[in-house]
C-alpha atoms as a PDB file:
ATOM      1  CA  MET A   1      -0.460 -26.032 -12.079  1.00  0.00           C
ATOM      2  CA  HIS A   2       1.703 -29.082 -12.316  1.00  0.00           C
ATOM      3  CA  SER A   3       0.659 -32.733 -12.727  1.00  0.00           C
ATOM      4  CA  GLY A   4      -3.041 -32.022 -12.170  1.00  0.00           C
ATOM      5  CA  GLN A   5      -2.658 -31.512  -8.430  1.00  0.00           C
ATOM      6  CA  THR A   6      -3.905 -28.454  -6.622  1.00  0.00           C
ATOM      7  CA  PRO A   7      -0.921 -26.614  -5.125  1.00  0.00           C
ATOM      8  CA  GLN A   8      -0.733 -26.092  -1.388  1.00  0.00           C
ATOM      9  CA  ARG A   9      -1.614 -22.555  -0.419  1.00  0.00           C
ATOM     10  CA  GLY A  10       0.079 -22.435   2.967  1.00  0.00           C
ATOM     11  CA  GLY A  11      -1.405 -21.152   6.197  1.00  0.00           C
ATOM     12  CA  CYS A  12      -0.409 -17.521   5.866  1.00  0.00           C
ATOM     13  CA  LEU A  13      -1.767 -17.105   2.340  1.00  0.00           C
ATOM     14  CA  SER A  14      -4.972 -18.936   3.267  1.00  0.00           C
ATOM     15  CA  LEU A  15      -5.451 -16.742   6.328  1.00  0.00           C
ATOM     16  CA  TYR A  16      -4.728 -13.625   4.275  1.00  0.00           C
ATOM     17  CA  LEU A  17      -7.281 -14.508   1.593  1.00  0.00           C
ATOM     18  CA  ILE A  18      -9.948 -15.568   4.120  1.00  0.00           C
ATOM     19  CA  ALA A  19      -9.436 -12.333   6.073  1.00  0.00           C
ATOM     20  CA  THR A  20      -9.696 -10.340   2.828  1.00  0.00           C
ATOM     21  CA  VAL A  21     -13.044 -11.938   1.999  1.00  0.00           C
ATOM     22  CA  ILE A  22     -14.372 -11.462   5.557  1.00  0.00           C
ATOM     23  CA  PHE A  23     -13.304  -7.829   5.802  1.00  0.00           C
ATOM     24  CA  SER A  24     -14.640  -7.152   2.307  1.00  0.00           C
ATOM     25  CA  GLY A  25     -18.007  -8.498   3.457  1.00  0.00           C
ATOM     26  CA  ILE A  26     -17.978  -6.276   6.530  1.00  0.00           C
ATOM     27  CA  ALA A  27     -16.948  -3.242   4.474  1.00  0.00           C
ATOM     28  CA  PHE A  28     -19.684  -4.041   1.944  1.00  0.00           C
ATOM     29  CA  PHE A  29     -22.343  -3.639   4.636  1.00  0.00           C
ATOM     30  CA  LEU A  30     -20.700  -0.490   5.982  1.00  0.00           C
ATOM     31  CA  PHE A  31     -20.733   1.114   2.531  1.00  0.00           C
ATOM     32  CA  LEU A  32     -24.279  -0.117   2.013  1.00  0.00           C
ATOM     33  CA  SER A  33     -25.313   1.671   5.214  1.00  0.00           C
ATOM     34  CA  ILE A  34     -23.652   4.854   3.953  1.00  0.00           C
ATOM     35  CA  SER A  35     -25.616   4.555   0.713  1.00  0.00           C
ATOM     36  CA  THR A  36     -28.952   4.063   2.484  1.00  0.00           C
ATOM     37  CA  ASP A  37     -28.674   6.210   5.638  1.00  0.00           C
ATOM     38  CA  PRO A  38     -29.711   9.820   4.853  1.00  0.00           C
ATOM     39  CA  ARG A  39     -27.524  11.243   7.650  1.00  0.00           C
ATOM     40  CA  LEU A  40     -24.406   9.457   6.390  1.00  0.00           C
ATOM     41  CA  ARG A  41     -25.247  10.229   2.764  1.00  0.00           C
ATOM     42  CA  ALA A  42     -25.368  13.935   3.589  1.00  0.00           C
ATOM     43  CA  ALA A  43     -21.856  13.788   5.108  1.00  0.00           C
ATOM     44  CA  ALA A  44     -20.215  12.055   2.142  1.00  0.00           C
ATOM     45  CA  PRO A  45     -20.160  12.712  -1.606  1.00  0.00           C
ATOM     46  CA  ALA A  46     -22.969  10.968  -3.495  1.00  0.00           C
ATOM     47  CA  TRP A  47     -20.543   8.632  -5.273  1.00  0.00           C
ATOM     48  CA  TYR A  48     -18.732   7.563  -2.074  1.00  0.00           C
ATOM     49  CA  GLY A  49     -21.059   4.718  -1.051  1.00  0.00           C
ATOM     50  CA  PRO A  50     -21.505   3.158  -4.504  1.00  0.00           C
ATOM     51  CA  SER A  51     -17.775   3.474  -5.264  1.00  0.00           C
ATOM     52  CA  GLY A  52     -16.873   1.885  -1.948  1.00  0.00           C
ATOM     53  CA  ILE A  53     -19.283  -0.974  -2.608  1.00  0.00           C
ATOM     54  CA  LEU A  54     -17.663  -1.632  -5.997  1.00  0.00           C
ATOM     55  CA  ILE A  55     -14.171  -1.571  -4.467  1.00  0.00           C
ATOM     56  CA  VAL A  56     -14.974  -4.051  -1.688  1.00  0.00           C
ATOM     57  CA  LEU A  57     -16.870  -6.331  -4.066  1.00  0.00           C
ATOM     58  CA  ALA A  58     -13.843  -6.339  -6.358  1.00  0.00           C
ATOM     59  CA  PHE A  59     -11.579  -7.170  -3.411  1.00  0.00           C
ATOM     60  CA  GLY A  60     -13.784 -10.128  -2.493  1.00  0.00           C
ATOM     61  CA  ILE A  61     -13.987 -11.391  -6.069  1.00  0.00           C
ATOM     62  CA  PHE A  62     -10.245 -11.082  -6.661  1.00  0.00           C
ATOM     63  CA  ALA A  63      -9.469 -12.808  -3.350  1.00  0.00           C
ATOM     64  CA  TYR A  64     -11.763 -15.672  -4.387  1.00  0.00           C
ATOM     65  CA  LEU A  65     -10.046 -15.912  -7.782  1.00  0.00           C
ATOM     66  CA  THR A  66      -6.637 -15.881  -6.096  1.00  0.00           C
ATOM     67  CA  TRP A  67      -7.833 -18.661  -3.774  1.00  0.00           C
ATOM     68  CA  ASN A  68      -8.569 -20.659  -6.927  1.00  0.00           C
ATOM     69  CA  TRP A  69      -5.097 -19.979  -8.385  1.00  0.00           C
ATOM     70  CA  LYS A  70      -6.236 -17.529 -11.062  1.00  0.00           C
ATOM     71  CA  ARG A  71      -3.549 -15.053 -12.104  1.00  0.00           C
ATOM     72  CA  ARG A  72      -6.153 -12.369 -12.895  1.00  0.00           C
ATOM     73  CA  GLY A  73      -7.316 -12.579  -9.269  1.00  0.00           C
ATOM     74  CA  LEU A  74      -3.794 -11.994  -8.011  1.00  0.00           C
ATOM     75  CA  TYR A  75      -3.250  -9.054 -10.348  1.00  0.00           C
ATOM     76  CA  GLY A  76      -6.687  -7.715  -9.425  1.00  0.00           C
ATOM     77  CA  LEU A  77      -5.774  -7.748  -5.734  1.00  0.00           C
ATOM     78  CA  PHE A  78      -2.625  -5.755  -6.454  1.00  0.00           C
ATOM     79  CA  VAL A  79      -4.628  -3.195  -8.444  1.00  0.00           C
ATOM     80  CA  MET A  80      -7.370  -2.935  -5.816  1.00  0.00           C
ATOM     81  CA  MET A  81      -4.798  -2.300  -3.078  1.00  0.00           C
ATOM     82  CA  VAL A  82      -3.635   0.741  -4.986  1.00  0.00           C
ATOM     83  CA  VAL A  83      -7.158   1.856  -5.976  1.00  0.00           C
ATOM     84  CA  SER A  84      -8.529   1.630  -2.419  1.00  0.00           C
ATOM     85  CA  ASN A  85      -5.667   3.636  -0.941  1.00  0.00           C
ATOM     86  CA  VAL A  86      -5.844   6.284  -3.666  1.00  0.00           C
ATOM     87  CA  PHE A  87      -9.636   6.390  -3.113  1.00  0.00           C
ATOM     88  CA  GLN A  88      -9.101   7.145   0.574  1.00  0.00           C
ATOM     89  CA  LEU A  89      -6.363   9.676  -0.139  1.00  0.00           C
ATOM     90  CA  ALA A  90      -8.520  11.480  -2.719  1.00  0.00           C
ATOM     91  CA  LEU A  91     -11.374  11.786  -0.253  1.00  0.00           C
ATOM     92  CA  GLY A  92      -9.134  12.850   2.594  1.00  0.00           C
ATOM     93  CA  ILE A  93     -10.378  10.080   4.876  1.00  0.00           C
ATOM     94  CA  GLY A  94      -8.113   8.230   7.211  1.00  0.00           C
ATOM     95  CA  ASP A  95      -4.478   9.017   7.829  1.00  0.00           C
ATOM     96  CA  PRO A  96      -2.638  10.031   4.638  1.00  0.00           C
ATOM     97  CA  THR A  97       0.669   8.693   5.967  1.00  0.00           C
ATOM     98  CA  ARG A  98      -0.927   5.295   6.641  1.00  0.00           C
ATOM     99  CA  ASN A  99      -2.422   5.225   3.150  1.00  0.00           C
ATOM    100  CA  ILE A 100       0.874   6.118   1.496  1.00  0.00           C
ATOM    101  CA  VAL A 101       2.718   3.437   3.486  1.00  0.00           C
ATOM    102  CA  ALA A 102      -0.058   0.934   2.715  1.00  0.00           C
ATOM    103  CA  LEU A 103       0.372   1.624  -1.022  1.00  0.00           C
ATOM    104  CA  PHE A 104       3.706  -0.165  -0.729  1.00  0.00           C
ATOM    105  CA  VAL A 105       3.295  -2.504   2.235  1.00  0.00           C
ATOM    106  CA  GLN A 106       0.038  -4.223   1.163  1.00  0.00           C
ATOM    107  CA  PRO A 107       1.319  -5.325  -2.264  1.00  0.00           C
ATOM    108  CA  LEU A 108       4.664  -6.300  -0.718  1.00  0.00           C
ATOM    109  CA  ILE A 109       2.980  -8.585   1.833  1.00  0.00           C
ATOM    110  CA  LEU A 110       0.895 -10.266  -0.861  1.00  0.00           C
ATOM    111  CA  TYR A 111       3.934 -10.667  -3.090  1.00  0.00           C
ATOM    112  CA  LEU A 112       5.918 -12.249  -0.254  1.00  0.00           C
ATOM    113  CA  LEU A 113       3.056 -14.692   0.363  1.00  0.00           C
ATOM    114  CA  VAL A 114       2.883 -15.815  -3.290  1.00  0.00           C
ATOM    115  CA  ARG A 115       6.415 -15.300  -4.639  1.00  0.00           C
ATOM    116  CA  ASN A 116       7.350 -18.979  -4.438  1.00  0.00           C
ATOM    117  CA  LYS A 117       4.057 -20.047  -6.025  1.00  0.00           C
ATOM    118  CA  LEU A 118       3.729 -17.587  -8.911  1.00  0.00           C
ATOM    119  CA  ASN A 119       4.166 -20.398 -11.442  1.00  0.00           C
ATOM    120  CA  GLU A 120       1.125 -22.182  -9.954  1.00  0.00           C
ATOM    121  CA  PHE A 121      -1.274 -19.452 -11.073  1.00  0.00           C
ATOM    122  CA  THR A 122      -3.102 -19.981 -14.356  1.00  0.00           C
END
């Protein structure tokens, strides 16, 4: 950061990070229900719920760190975008084409939102 001032995030990046935290919270409770509901647990591998919980918690934490201009948060978001899509592809859930496209589009969108502010991250 320069001259002790907090850089301006911009509306799109702010909206993106807020949406990431909100959707991570929603997904957290969905994965929690999978982990605790015997009917859902029987339909999914035993590690699916706990792994999903860890992934969405990481998304929320990295979005928070990115909000606070931490470079490790930004890098963490990029990594989690790849991990979450590979996770879905490995399990065969969702549309494989959508997941493959998302492997490239999600990081590209985030990069476009932060490209002019990369030097502001510590």
